[in-house]
Amino acid sequence: MNRNLWLLAICQGLFLTNNVTFIAINGLVGWSLAPLGWMATLPVMGYVVGGALSTGIVARTQKRFGRKTSFELGLAVAVASALLCAYAAYSKNFWLLVAATVIAGYYSISTS
């Protein structure tokens, strides 16, 4: 079988594993930081909303700079948003966690 096909399959599996893990951990951290119980899943919703809001930006980035550069930018955004999420959890700032997961939505769209 083609080497690139195997590599693509492994990367897709890691990406989907990342999404599931991110959503599960984000929901748990949101639950521990939320001012009210019903707000616990707002960070998870932010991930989906961030992806929806980023679709047009990612499309323009891919058109202008190409898929490779857009993908690399998405990975940089992923690292930055993960650091921001970690800081939000450390500082116990719920709204910063929500904002960081909205930013992480860009990564979700740019790498899919």
PDB file of N, CA and C in Angstrom:
ATOM      1  N   MET A   1       0.845  -1.188   0.000  1.00  0.00           N
ATOM      2  CA  MET A   1       0.000   0.000   0.000  1.00  0.00           C
ATOM      3  C   MET A   1       0.887   1.247   0.000  1.00  0.00           C
ATOM      4  N   ASN A   2       0.399   2.318  -0.537  1.00  0.00           N
ATOM      5  CA  ASN A   2       1.124   3.566  -0.664  1.00  0.00           C
ATOM      6  C   ASN A   2       1.498   4.130   0.718  1.00  0.00           C
ATOM      7  N   ARG A   3       2.755   4.556   0.868  1.00  0.00           N
ATOM      8  CA  ARG A   3       3.245   5.107   2.142  1.00  0.00           C
ATOM      9  C   ARG A   3       2.456   6.350   2.562  1.00  0.00           C
ATOM     10  N   ASN A   4       2.163   7.216   1.615  1.00  0.00           N
ATOM     11  CA  ASN A   4       1.422   8.439   1.934  1.00  0.00           C
ATOM     12  C   ASN A   4       0.011   8.145   2.426  1.00  0.00           C
ATOM     13  N   LEU A   5      -0.588   7.093   1.908  1.00  0.00           N
ATOM     14  CA  LEU A   5      -1.920   6.712   2.365  1.00  0.00           C
ATOM     15  C   LEU A   5      -1.889   6.280   3.823  1.00  0.00           C
ATOM     16  N   TRP A   6      -0.886   5.495   4.183  1.00  0.00           N
ATOM     17  CA  TRP A   6      -0.741   5.084   5.586  1.00  0.00           C
ATOM     18  C   TRP A   6      -0.494   6.291   6.483  1.00  0.00           C
ATOM     19  N   LEU A   7       0.363   7.183   6.040  1.00  0.00           N
ATOM     20  CA  LEU A   7       0.665   8.386   6.812  1.00  0.00           C
ATOM     21  C   LEU A   7      -0.585   9.243   6.997  1.00  0.00           C
ATOM     22  N   LEU A   8      -1.346   9.409   5.949  1.00  0.00           N
ATOM     23  CA  LEU A   8      -2.588  10.176   6.023  1.00  0.00           C
ATOM     24  C   LEU A   8      -3.588   9.517   6.975  1.00  0.00           C
ATOM     25  N   ALA A   9      -3.707   8.199   6.914  1.00  0.00           N
ATOM     26  CA  ALA A   9      -4.626   7.486   7.805  1.00  0.00           C
ATOM     27  C   ALA A   9      -4.219   7.642   9.265  1.00  0.00           C
ATOM     28  N   ILE A  10      -2.925   7.556   9.536  1.00  0.00           N
ATOM     29  CA  ILE A  10      -2.442   7.727  10.915  1.00  0.00           C
ATOM     30  C   ILE A  10      -2.695   9.155  11.398  1.00  0.00           C
ATOM     31  N   CYS A  11      -2.403  10.129  10.559  1.00  0.00           N
ATOM     32  CA  CYS A  11      -2.621  11.535  10.937  1.00  0.00           C
ATOM     33  C   CYS A  11      -4.100  11.832  11.171  1.00  0.00           C
ATOM     34  N   GLN A  12      -4.959  11.288  10.343  1.00  0.00           N
ATOM     35  CA  GLN A  12      -6.403  11.496  10.519  1.00  0.00           C
ATOM     36  C   GLN A  12      -6.867  10.873  11.829  1.00  0.00           C
ATOM     37  N   GLY A  13      -6.361   9.692  12.141  1.00  0.00           N
ATOM     38  CA  GLY A  13      -6.699   9.050  13.404  1.00  0.00           C
ATOM     39  C   GLY A  13      -6.236   9.862  14.599  1.00  0.00           C
ATOM     40  N   LEU A  14      -5.033  10.411  14.523  1.00  0.00           N
ATOM     41  CA  LEU A  14      -4.527  11.263  15.610  1.00  0.00           C
ATOM     42  C   LEU A  14      -5.357  12.540  15.742  1.00  0.00           C
ATOM     43  N   PHE A  15      -5.750  13.115  14.609  1.00  0.00           N
ATOM     44  CA  PHE A  15      -6.574  14.323  14.644  1.00  0.00           C
ATOM     45  C   PHE A  15      -7.919  14.049  15.326  1.00  0.00           C
ATOM     46  N   LEU A  16      -8.553  12.943  14.959  1.00  0.00           N
ATOM     47  CA  LEU A  16      -9.845  12.614  15.571  1.00  0.00           C
ATOM     48  C   LEU A  16      -9.687  12.287  17.051  1.00  0.00           C
ATOM     49  N   THR A  17      -8.602  11.630  17.416  1.00  0.00           N
ATOM     50  CA  THR A  17      -8.324  11.360  18.826  1.00  0.00           C
ATOM     51  C   THR A  17      -8.125  12.667  19.583  1.00  0.00           C
ATOM     52  N   ASN A  18      -7.426  13.600  18.948  1.00  0.00           N
ATOM     53  CA  ASN A  18      -7.227  14.911  19.556  1.00  0.00           C
ATOM     54  C   ASN A  18      -8.563  15.606  19.811  1.00  0.00           C
ATOM     55  N   ASN A  19      -9.458  15.573  18.835  1.00  0.00           N
ATOM     56  CA  ASN A  19     -10.760  16.226  19.001  1.00  0.00           C
ATOM     57  C   ASN A  19     -11.546  15.635  20.163  1.00  0.00           C
ATOM     58  N   VAL A  20     -11.587  14.316  20.235  1.00  0.00           N
ATOM     59  CA  VAL A  20     -12.341  13.656  21.306  1.00  0.00           C
ATOM     60  C   VAL A  20     -11.739  13.988  22.667  1.00  0.00           C
ATOM     61  N   THR A  21     -10.421  13.919  22.756  1.00  0.00           N
ATOM     62  CA  THR A  21      -9.743  14.220  24.019  1.00  0.00           C
ATOM     63  C   THR A  21      -9.948  15.681  24.406  1.00  0.00           C
ATOM     64  N   PHE A  22      -9.812  16.568  23.432  1.00  0.00           N
ATOM     65  CA  PHE A  22      -9.974  17.998  23.699  1.00  0.00           C
ATOM     66  C   PHE A  22     -11.375  18.299  24.217  1.00  0.00           C
ATOM     67  N   ILE A  23     -12.374  17.720  23.591  1.00  0.00           N
ATOM     68  CA  ILE A  23     -13.760  17.967  24.007  1.00  0.00           C
ATOM     69  C   ILE A  23     -14.021  17.401  25.396  1.00  0.00           C
ATOM     70  N   ALA A  24     -13.519  16.205  25.677  1.00  0.00           N
ATOM     71  CA  ALA A  24     -13.740  15.596  26.990  1.00  0.00           C
ATOM     72  C   ALA A  24     -13.059  16.397  28.097  1.00  0.00           C
ATOM     73  N   ILE A  25     -11.800  16.723  27.902  1.00  0.00           N
ATOM     74  CA  ILE A  25     -11.068  17.470  28.932  1.00  0.00           C
ATOM     75  C   ILE A  25     -11.625  18.872  29.074  1.00  0.00           C
ATOM     76  N   ASN A  26     -11.966  19.493  27.951  1.00  0.00           N
ATOM     77  CA  ASN A  26     -12.510  20.847  27.993  1.00  0.00           C
ATOM     78  C   ASN A  26     -13.835  20.889  28.746  1.00  0.00           C
ATOM     79  N   GLY A  27     -14.665  19.886  28.551  1.00  0.00           N
ATOM     80  CA  GLY A  27     -15.921  19.828  29.282  1.00  0.00           C
ATOM     81  C   GLY A  27     -15.702  19.672  30.775  1.00  0.00           C
ATOM     82  N   LEU A  28     -14.731  18.843  31.157  1.00  0.00           N
ATOM     83  CA  LEU A  28     -14.441  18.643  32.581  1.00  0.00           C
ATOM     84  C   LEU A  28     -13.852  19.900  33.224  1.00  0.00           C
ATOM     85  N   VAL A  29     -12.933  20.550  32.526  1.00  0.00           N
ATOM     86  CA  VAL A  29     -12.356  21.796  33.049  1.00  0.00           C
ATOM     87  C   VAL A  29     -13.435  22.877  33.103  1.00  0.00           C
ATOM     88  N   GLY A  30     -14.264  22.943  32.063  1.00  0.00           N
ATOM     89  CA  GLY A  30     -15.374  23.907  32.065  1.00  0.00           C
ATOM     90  C   GLY A  30     -16.307  23.677  33.233  1.00  0.00           C
ATOM     91  N   TRP A  31     -16.566  22.411  33.544  1.00  0.00           N
ATOM     92  CA  TRP A  31     -17.444  22.079  34.674  1.00  0.00           C
ATOM     93  C   TRP A  31     -16.839  22.538  35.995  1.00  0.00           C
ATOM     94  N   SER A  32     -15.527  22.398  36.124  1.00  0.00           N
ATOM     95  CA  SER A  32     -14.888  22.800  37.384  1.00  0.00           C
ATOM     96  C   SER A  32     -14.745  24.311  37.518  1.00  0.00           C
ATOM     97  N   LEU A  33     -14.735  25.040  36.395  1.00  0.00           N
ATOM     98  CA  LEU A  33     -14.543  26.495  36.446  1.00  0.00           C
ATOM     99  C   LEU A  33     -15.823  27.309  36.253  1.00  0.00           C
ATOM    100  N   ALA A  34     -16.855  26.695  35.733  1.00  0.00           N
ATOM    101  CA  ALA A  34     -18.068  27.439  35.377  1.00  0.00           C
ATOM    102  C   ALA A  34     -18.719  28.054  36.611  1.00  0.00           C
ATOM    103  N   PRO A  35     -19.144  29.308  36.490  1.00  0.00           N
ATOM    104  CA  PRO A  35     -19.834  29.950  37.610  1.00  0.00           C
ATOM    105  C   PRO A  35     -21.187  29.296  37.905  1.00  0.00           C
ATOM    106  N   LEU A  36     -21.837  28.783  36.879  1.00  0.00           N
ATOM    107  CA  LEU A  36     -23.116  28.086  37.026  1.00  0.00           C
ATOM    108  C   LEU A  36     -23.018  26.760  36.279  1.00  0.00           C
ATOM    109  N   GLY A  37     -23.675  25.747  36.783  1.00  0.00           N
ATOM    110  CA  GLY A  37     -23.582  24.415  36.212  1.00  0.00           C
ATOM    111  C   GLY A  37     -23.947  24.328  34.746  1.00  0.00           C
ATOM    112  N   TRP A  38     -24.963  25.077  34.320  1.00  0.00           N
ATOM    113  CA  TRP A  38     -25.396  24.997  32.930  1.00  0.00           C
ATOM    114  C   TRP A  38     -24.364  25.572  31.969  1.00  0.00           C
ATOM    115  N   MET A  39     -23.381  26.299  32.467  1.00  0.00           N
ATOM    116  CA  MET A  39     -22.358  26.905  31.608  1.00  0.00           C
ATOM    117  C   MET A  39     -21.170  25.974  31.353  1.00  0.00           C
ATOM    118  N   ALA A  40     -21.196  24.798  31.943  1.00  0.00           N
ATOM    119  CA  ALA A  40     -20.043  23.893  31.885  1.00  0.00           C
ATOM    120  C   ALA A  40     -19.640  23.520  30.461  1.00  0.00           C
ATOM    121  N   THR A  41     -20.586  23.429  29.570  1.00  0.00           N
ATOM    122  CA  THR A  41     -20.262  23.019  28.194  1.00  0.00           C
ATOM    123  C   THR A  41     -20.081  24.191  27.235  1.00  0.00           C
ATOM    124  N   LEU A  42     -20.074  25.403  27.737  1.00  0.00           N
ATOM    125  CA  LEU A  42     -19.814  26.552  26.868  1.00  0.00           C
ATOM    126  C   LEU A  42     -18.445  26.483  26.192  1.00  0.00           C
ATOM    127  N   PRO A  43     -17.387  26.033  26.889  1.00  0.00           N
ATOM    128  CA  PRO A  43     -16.111  25.903  26.172  1.00  0.00           C
ATOM    129  C   PRO A  43     -16.173  24.905  25.012  1.00  0.00           C
ATOM    130  N   VAL A  44     -16.887  23.815  25.190  1.00  0.00           N
ATOM    131  CA  VAL A  44     -17.033  22.838  24.108  1.00  0.00           C
ATOM    132  C   VAL A  44     -17.797  23.463  22.948  1.00  0.00           C
ATOM    133  N   MET A  45     -18.829  24.220  23.268  1.00  0.00           N
ATOM    134  CA  MET A  45     -19.587  24.911  22.231  1.00  0.00           C
ATOM    135  C   MET A  45     -18.692  25.927  21.519  1.00  0.00           C
ATOM    136  N   GLY A  46     -17.791  26.555  22.272  1.00  0.00           N
ATOM    137  CA  GLY A  46     -16.863  27.514  21.678  1.00  0.00           C
ATOM    138  C   GLY A  46     -15.986  26.901  20.608  1.00  0.00           C
ATOM    139  N   TYR A  47     -15.629  25.641  20.791  1.00  0.00           N
ATOM    140  CA  TYR A  47     -14.808  24.926  19.807  1.00  0.00           C
ATOM    141  C   TYR A  47     -15.562  24.792  18.483  1.00  0.00           C
ATOM    142  N   VAL A  48     -16.826  24.460  18.567  1.00  0.00           N
ATOM    143  CA  VAL A  48     -17.656  24.300  17.369  1.00  0.00           C
ATOM    144  C   VAL A  48     -17.939  25.662  16.731  1.00  0.00           C
ATOM    145  N   VAL A  49     -18.281  26.640  17.548  1.00  0.00           N
ATOM    146  CA  VAL A  49     -18.569  27.981  17.028  1.00  0.00           C
ATOM    147  C   VAL A  49     -17.312  28.593  16.411  1.00  0.00           C
ATOM    148  N   GLY A  50     -16.172  28.390  17.073  1.00  0.00           N
ATOM    149  CA  GLY A  50     -14.914  28.901  16.527  1.00  0.00           C
ATOM    150  C   GLY A  50     -14.605  28.299  15.172  1.00  0.00           C
ATOM    151  N   GLY A  51     -14.895  27.017  15.017  1.00  0.00           N
ATOM    152  CA  GLY A  51     -14.698  26.376  13.721  1.00  0.00           C
ATOM    153  C   GLY A  51     -15.614  26.959  12.659  1.00  0.00           C
ATOM    154  N   ALA A  52     -16.862  27.189  13.041  1.00  0.00           N
ATOM    155  CA  ALA A  52     -17.823  27.756  12.082  1.00  0.00           C
ATOM    156  C   ALA A  52     -17.425  29.177  11.685  1.00  0.00           C
ATOM    157  N   LEU A  53     -16.985  29.965  12.646  1.00  0.00           N
ATOM    158  CA  LEU A  53     -16.596  31.344  12.344  1.00  0.00           C
ATOM    159  C   LEU A  53     -15.302  31.412  11.534  1.00  0.00           C
ATOM    160  N   SER A  54     -14.465  30.400  11.653  1.00  0.00           N
ATOM    161  CA  SER A  54     -13.164  30.406  10.982  1.00  0.00           C
ATOM    162  C   SER A  54     -13.186  29.859   9.564  1.00  0.00           C
ATOM    163  N   THR A  55     -14.282  29.300   9.151  1.00  0.00           N
ATOM    164  CA  THR A  55     -14.336  28.652   7.846  1.00  0.00           C
ATOM    165  C   THR A  55     -13.940  29.605   6.718  1.00  0.00           C
ATOM    166  N   GLY A  56     -14.501  30.775   6.703  1.00  0.00           N
ATOM    167  CA  GLY A  56     -14.181  31.753   5.651  1.00  0.00           C
ATOM    168  C   GLY A  56     -12.736  32.212   5.708  1.00  0.00           C
ATOM    169  N   ILE A  57     -12.215  32.401   6.913  1.00  0.00           N
ATOM    170  CA  ILE A  57     -10.824  32.834   7.075  1.00  0.00           C
ATOM    171  C   ILE A  57      -9.876  31.755   6.552  1.00  0.00           C
ATOM    172  N   VAL A  58     -10.152  30.511   6.907  1.00  0.00           N
ATOM    173  CA  VAL A  58      -9.306  29.403   6.451  1.00  0.00           C
ATOM    174  C   VAL A  58      -9.369  29.276   4.929  1.00  0.00           C
ATOM    175  N   ALA A  59     -10.544  29.430   4.360  1.00  0.00           N
ATOM    176  CA  ALA A  59     -10.685  29.336   2.899  1.00  0.00           C
ATOM    177  C   ALA A  59      -9.862  30.416   2.208  1.00  0.00           C
ATOM    178  N   ARG A  60      -9.918  31.634   2.729  1.00  0.00           N
ATOM    179  CA  ARG A  60      -9.124  32.720   2.133  1.00  0.00           C
ATOM    180  C   ARG A  60      -7.627  32.478   2.312  1.00  0.00           C
ATOM    181  N   THR A  61      -7.242  31.958   3.477  1.00  0.00           N
ATOM    182  CA  THR A  61      -5.830  31.662   3.733  1.00  0.00           C
ATOM    183  C   THR A  61      -5.330  30.577   2.791  1.00  0.00           C
ATOM    184  N   GLN A  62      -6.133  29.539   2.595  1.00  0.00           N
ATOM    185  CA  GLN A  62      -5.728  28.468   1.686  1.00  0.00           C
ATOM    186  C   GLN A  62      -5.625  28.971   0.254  1.00  0.00           C
ATOM    187  N   LYS A  63      -6.543  29.816  -0.142  1.00  0.00           N
ATOM    188  CA  LYS A  63      -6.521  30.335  -1.509  1.00  0.00           C
ATOM    189  C   LYS A  63      -5.294  31.223  -1.739  1.00  0.00           C
ATOM    190  N   ARG A  64      -4.961  32.033  -0.739  1.00  0.00           N
ATOM    191  CA  ARG A  64      -3.875  32.980  -0.912  1.00  0.00           C
ATOM    192  C   ARG A  64      -2.495  32.361  -0.724  1.00  0.00           C
ATOM    193  N   PHE A  65      -2.342  31.504   0.300  1.00  0.00           N
ATOM    194  CA  PHE A  65      -1.023  30.981   0.650  1.00  0.00           C
ATOM    195  C   PHE A  65      -0.831  29.501   0.347  1.00  0.00           C
ATOM    196  N   GLY A  66      -1.911  28.803   0.010  1.00  0.00           N
ATOM    197  CA  GLY A  66      -1.809  27.376  -0.262  1.00  0.00           C
ATOM    198  C   GLY A  66      -2.175  26.549   0.968  1.00  0.00           C
ATOM    199  N   ARG A  67      -2.424  25.272   0.736  1.00  0.00           N
ATOM    200  CA  ARG A  67      -2.863  24.390   1.819  1.00  0.00           C
ATOM    201  C   ARG A  67      -1.771  24.139   2.850  1.00  0.00           C
ATOM    202  N   LYS A  68      -0.548  23.977   2.400  1.00  0.00           N
ATOM    203  CA  LYS A  68       0.541  23.677   3.332  1.00  0.00           C
ATOM    204  C   LYS A  68       0.741  24.809   4.340  1.00  0.00           C
ATOM    205  N   THR A  69       0.818  26.016   3.859  1.00  0.00           N
ATOM    206  CA  THR A  69       0.998  27.165   4.745  1.00  0.00           C
ATOM    207  C   THR A  69      -0.207  27.347   5.660  1.00  0.00           C
ATOM    208  N   SER A  70      -1.393  27.146   5.127  1.00  0.00           N
ATOM    209  CA  SER A  70      -2.607  27.246   5.937  1.00  0.00           C
ATOM    210  C   SER A  70      -2.618  26.189   7.040  1.00  0.00           C
ATOM    211  N   PHE A  71      -2.189  24.980   6.699  1.00  0.00           N
ATOM    212  CA  PHE A  71      -2.106  23.907   7.679  1.00  0.00           C
ATOM    213  C   PHE A  71      -1.094  24.249   8.766  1.00  0.00           C
ATOM    214  N   GLU A  72       0.061  24.779   8.369  1.00  0.00           N
ATOM    215  CA  GLU A  72       1.082  25.161   9.345  1.00  0.00           C
ATOM    216  C   GLU A  72       0.594  26.284  10.247  1.00  0.00           C
ATOM    217  N   LEU A  73      -0.139  27.229   9.688  1.00  0.00           N
ATOM    218  CA  LEU A  73      -0.733  28.290  10.496  1.00  0.00           C
ATOM    219  C   LEU A  73      -1.743  27.714  11.484  1.00  0.00           C
ATOM    220  N   GLY A  74      -2.534  26.748  11.025  1.00  0.00           N
ATOM    221  CA  GLY A  74      -3.479  26.078  11.915  1.00  0.00           C
ATOM    222  C   GLY A  74      -2.792  25.384  13.075  1.00  0.00           C
ATOM    223  N   LEU A  75      -1.652  24.764  12.809  1.00  0.00           N
ATOM    224  CA  LEU A  75      -0.893  24.118  13.883  1.00  0.00           C
ATOM    225  C   LEU A  75      -0.334  25.139  14.869  1.00  0.00           C
ATOM    226  N   ALA A  76       0.106  26.289  14.365  1.00  0.00           N
ATOM    227  CA  ALA A  76       0.591  27.353  15.258  1.00  0.00           C
ATOM    228  C   ALA A  76      -0.547  27.877  16.138  1.00  0.00           C
ATOM    229  N   VAL A  77      -1.720  28.024  15.545  1.00  0.00           N
ATOM    230  CA  VAL A  77      -2.896  28.453  16.314  1.00  0.00           C
ATOM    231  C   VAL A  77      -3.248  27.397  17.355  1.00  0.00           C
ATOM    232  N   ALA A  78      -3.098  26.120  17.011  1.00  0.00           N
ATOM    233  CA  ALA A  78      -3.389  25.037  17.959  1.00  0.00           C
ATOM    234  C   ALA A  78      -2.476  25.125  19.173  1.00  0.00           C
ATOM    235  N   VAL A  79      -1.197  25.346  18.942  1.00  0.00           N
ATOM    236  CA  VAL A  79      -0.251  25.455  20.059  1.00  0.00           C
ATOM    237  C   VAL A  79      -0.575  26.673  20.917  1.00  0.00           C
ATOM    238  N   ALA A  80      -0.840  27.798  20.271  1.00  0.00           N
ATOM    239  CA  ALA A  80      -1.161  29.023  21.018  1.00  0.00           C
ATOM    240  C   ALA A  80      -2.449  28.863  21.824  1.00  0.00           C
ATOM    241  N   SER A  81      -3.464  28.273  21.227  1.00  0.00           N
ATOM    242  CA  SER A  81      -4.726  28.106  21.946  1.00  0.00           C
ATOM    243  C   SER A  81      -4.595  27.089  23.072  1.00  0.00           C
ATOM    244  N   ALA A  82      -3.776  26.057  22.877  1.00  0.00           N
ATOM    245  CA  ALA A  82      -3.554  25.078  23.947  1.00  0.00           C
ATOM    246  C   ALA A  82      -2.845  25.730  25.130  1.00  0.00           C
ATOM    247  N   LEU A  83      -1.862  26.573  24.841  1.00  0.00           N
ATOM    248  CA  LEU A  83      -1.184  27.295  25.921  1.00  0.00           C
ATOM    249  C   LEU A  83      -2.142  28.246  26.635  1.00  0.00           C
ATOM    250  N   LEU A  84      -3.002  28.893  25.867  1.00  0.00           N
ATOM    251  CA  LEU A  84      -3.992  29.788  26.452  1.00  0.00           C
ATOM    252  C   LEU A  84      -4.999  29.017  27.296  1.00  0.00           C
ATOM    253  N   CYS A  85      -5.418  27.835  26.829  1.00  0.00           N
ATOM    254  CA  CYS A  85      -6.315  26.979  27.619  1.00  0.00           C
ATOM    255  C   CYS A  85      -5.646  26.549  28.917  1.00  0.00           C
ATOM    256  N   ALA A  86      -4.379  26.181  28.824  1.00  0.00           N
ATOM    257  CA  ALA A  86      -3.648  25.767  30.025  1.00  0.00           C
ATOM    258  C   ALA A  86      -3.544  26.919  31.024  1.00  0.00           C
ATOM    259  N   TYR A  87      -3.264  28.107  30.508  1.00  0.00           N
ATOM    260  CA  TYR A  87      -3.204  29.268  31.399  1.00  0.00           C
ATOM    261  C   TYR A  87      -4.572  29.570  32.009  1.00  0.00           C
ATOM    262  N   ALA A  88      -5.620  29.445  31.227  1.00  0.00           N
ATOM    263  CA  ALA A  88      -6.978  29.684  31.736  1.00  0.00           C
ATOM    264  C   ALA A  88      -7.308  28.697  32.849  1.00  0.00           C
ATOM    265  N   ALA A  89      -6.937  27.442  32.672  1.00  0.00           N
ATOM    266  CA  ALA A  89      -7.184  26.447  33.718  1.00  0.00           C
ATOM    267  C   ALA A  89      -6.341  26.747  34.949  1.00  0.00           C
ATOM    268  N   TYR A  90      -5.092  27.125  34.741  1.00  0.00           N
ATOM    269  CA  TYR A  90      -4.202  27.440  35.854  1.00  0.00           C
ATOM    270  C   TYR A  90      -4.698  28.643  36.651  1.00  0.00           C
ATOM    271  N   SER A  91      -5.143  29.675  35.935  1.00  0.00           N
ATOM    272  CA  SER A  91      -5.604  30.898  36.596  1.00  0.00           C
ATOM    273  C   SER A  91      -7.082  30.835  36.985  1.00  0.00           C
ATOM    274  N   LYS A  92      -7.737  29.710  36.664  1.00  0.00           N
ATOM    275  CA  LYS A  92      -9.150  29.499  36.985  1.00  0.00           C
ATOM    276  C   LYS A  92     -10.045  30.574  36.369  1.00  0.00           C
ATOM    277  N   ASN A  93      -9.772  30.887  35.110  1.00  0.00           N
ATOM    278  CA  ASN A  93     -10.512  31.910  34.385  1.00  0.00           C
ATOM    279  C   ASN A  93     -11.415  31.236  33.347  1.00  0.00           C
ATOM    280  N   PHE A  94     -12.674  31.111  33.672  1.00  0.00           N
ATOM    281  CA  PHE A  94     -13.627  30.416  32.808  1.00  0.00           C
ATOM    282  C   PHE A  94     -13.780  31.095  31.458  1.00  0.00           C
ATOM    283  N   TRP A  95     -13.918  32.394  31.438  1.00  0.00           N
ATOM    284  CA  TRP A  95     -14.163  33.097  30.178  1.00  0.00           C
ATOM    285  C   TRP A  95     -12.944  33.087  29.264  1.00  0.00           C
ATOM    286  N   LEU A  96     -11.764  33.058  29.842  1.00  0.00           N
ATOM    287  CA  LEU A  96     -10.564  32.902  29.025  1.00  0.00           C
ATOM    288  C   LEU A  96     -10.528  31.508  28.402  1.00  0.00           C
ATOM    289  N   LEU A  97     -10.989  30.513  29.139  1.00  0.00           N
ATOM    290  CA  LEU A  97     -11.084  29.156  28.594  1.00  0.00           C
ATOM    291  C   LEU A  97     -12.044  29.115  27.406  1.00  0.00           C
ATOM    292  N   VAL A  98     -13.169  29.784  27.537  1.00  0.00           N
ATOM    293  CA  VAL A  98     -14.139  29.832  26.432  1.00  0.00           C
ATOM    294  C   VAL A  98     -13.507  30.519  25.217  1.00  0.00           C
ATOM    295  N   ALA A  99     -12.850  31.639  25.436  1.00  0.00           N
ATOM    296  CA  ALA A  99     -12.212  32.368  24.330  1.00  0.00           C
ATOM    297  C   ALA A  99     -11.116  31.522  23.673  1.00  0.00           C
ATOM    298  N   ALA A 100     -10.339  30.817  24.477  1.00  0.00           N
ATOM    299  CA  ALA A 100      -9.262  29.990  23.933  1.00  0.00           C
ATOM    300  C   ALA A 100      -9.815  28.848  23.091  1.00  0.00           C
ATOM    301  N   THR A 101     -10.938  28.294  23.482  1.00  0.00           N
ATOM    302  CA  THR A 101     -11.506  27.198  22.688  1.00  0.00           C
ATOM    303  C   THR A 101     -12.171  27.711  21.412  1.00  0.00           C
ATOM    304  N   VAL A 102     -12.657  28.931  21.432  1.00  0.00           N
ATOM    305  CA  VAL A 102     -13.154  29.533  20.188  1.00  0.00           C
ATOM    306  C   VAL A 102     -11.985  29.682  19.211  1.00  0.00           C
ATOM    307  N   ILE A 103     -10.844  30.107  19.709  1.00  0.00           N
ATOM    308  CA  ILE A 103      -9.645  30.234  18.870  1.00  0.00           C
ATOM    309  C   ILE A 103      -9.206  28.863  18.365  1.00  0.00           C
ATOM    310  N   ALA A 104      -9.330  27.844  19.214  1.00  0.00           N
ATOM    311  CA  ALA A 104      -8.952  26.476  18.823  1.00  0.00           C
ATOM    312  C   ALA A 104      -9.824  25.956  17.684  1.00  0.00           C
ATOM    313  N   GLY A 105     -10.999  26.516  17.526  1.00  0.00           N
ATOM    314  CA  GLY A 105     -11.859  26.122  16.409  1.00  0.00           C
ATOM    315  C   GLY A 105     -11.209  26.375  15.066  1.00  0.00           C
ATOM    316  N   TYR A 106     -10.350  27.379  14.989  1.00  0.00           N
ATOM    317  CA  TYR A 106      -9.618  27.659  13.750  1.00  0.00           C
ATOM    318  C   TYR A 106      -8.758  26.458  13.382  1.00  0.00           C
ATOM    319  N   TYR A 107      -8.085  25.903  14.377  1.00  0.00           N
ATOM    320  CA  TYR A 107      -7.245  24.720  14.146  1.00  0.00           C
ATOM    321  C   TYR A 107      -8.076  23.556  13.613  1.00  0.00           C
ATOM    322  N   SER A 108      -9.228  23.377  14.210  1.00  0.00           N
ATOM    323  CA  SER A 108     -10.088  22.261  13.827  1.00  0.00           C
ATOM    324  C   SER A 108     -10.465  22.341  12.344  1.00  0.00           C
ATOM    325  N   ILE A 109     -10.766  23.519  11.889  1.00  0.00           N
ATOM    326  CA  ILE A 109     -11.171  23.699  10.495  1.00  0.00           C
ATOM    327  C   ILE A 109      -9.971  23.667   9.551  1.00  0.00           C
ATOM    328  N   SER A 110      -8.868  24.268   9.962  1.00  0.00           N
ATOM    329  CA  SER A 110      -7.725  24.360   9.056  1.00  0.00           C
ATOM    330  C   SER A 110      -7.024  23.025   8.829  1.00  0.00           C
ATOM    331  N   THR A 111      -7.222  22.073   9.722  1.00  0.00           N
ATOM    332  CA  THR A 111      -6.544  20.787   9.558  1.00  0.00           C
ATOM    333  C   THR A 111      -7.470  19.688   9.071  1.00  0.00           C
ATOM    334  N   SER A 112      -8.737  19.996   8.877  1.00  0.00           N
ATOM    335  CA  SER A 112      -9.636  18.928   8.428  1.00  0.00           C
ATOM    336  C   SER A 112      -9.818  18.939   6.926  1.00  0.00           C
TER     337      SER A 112
END
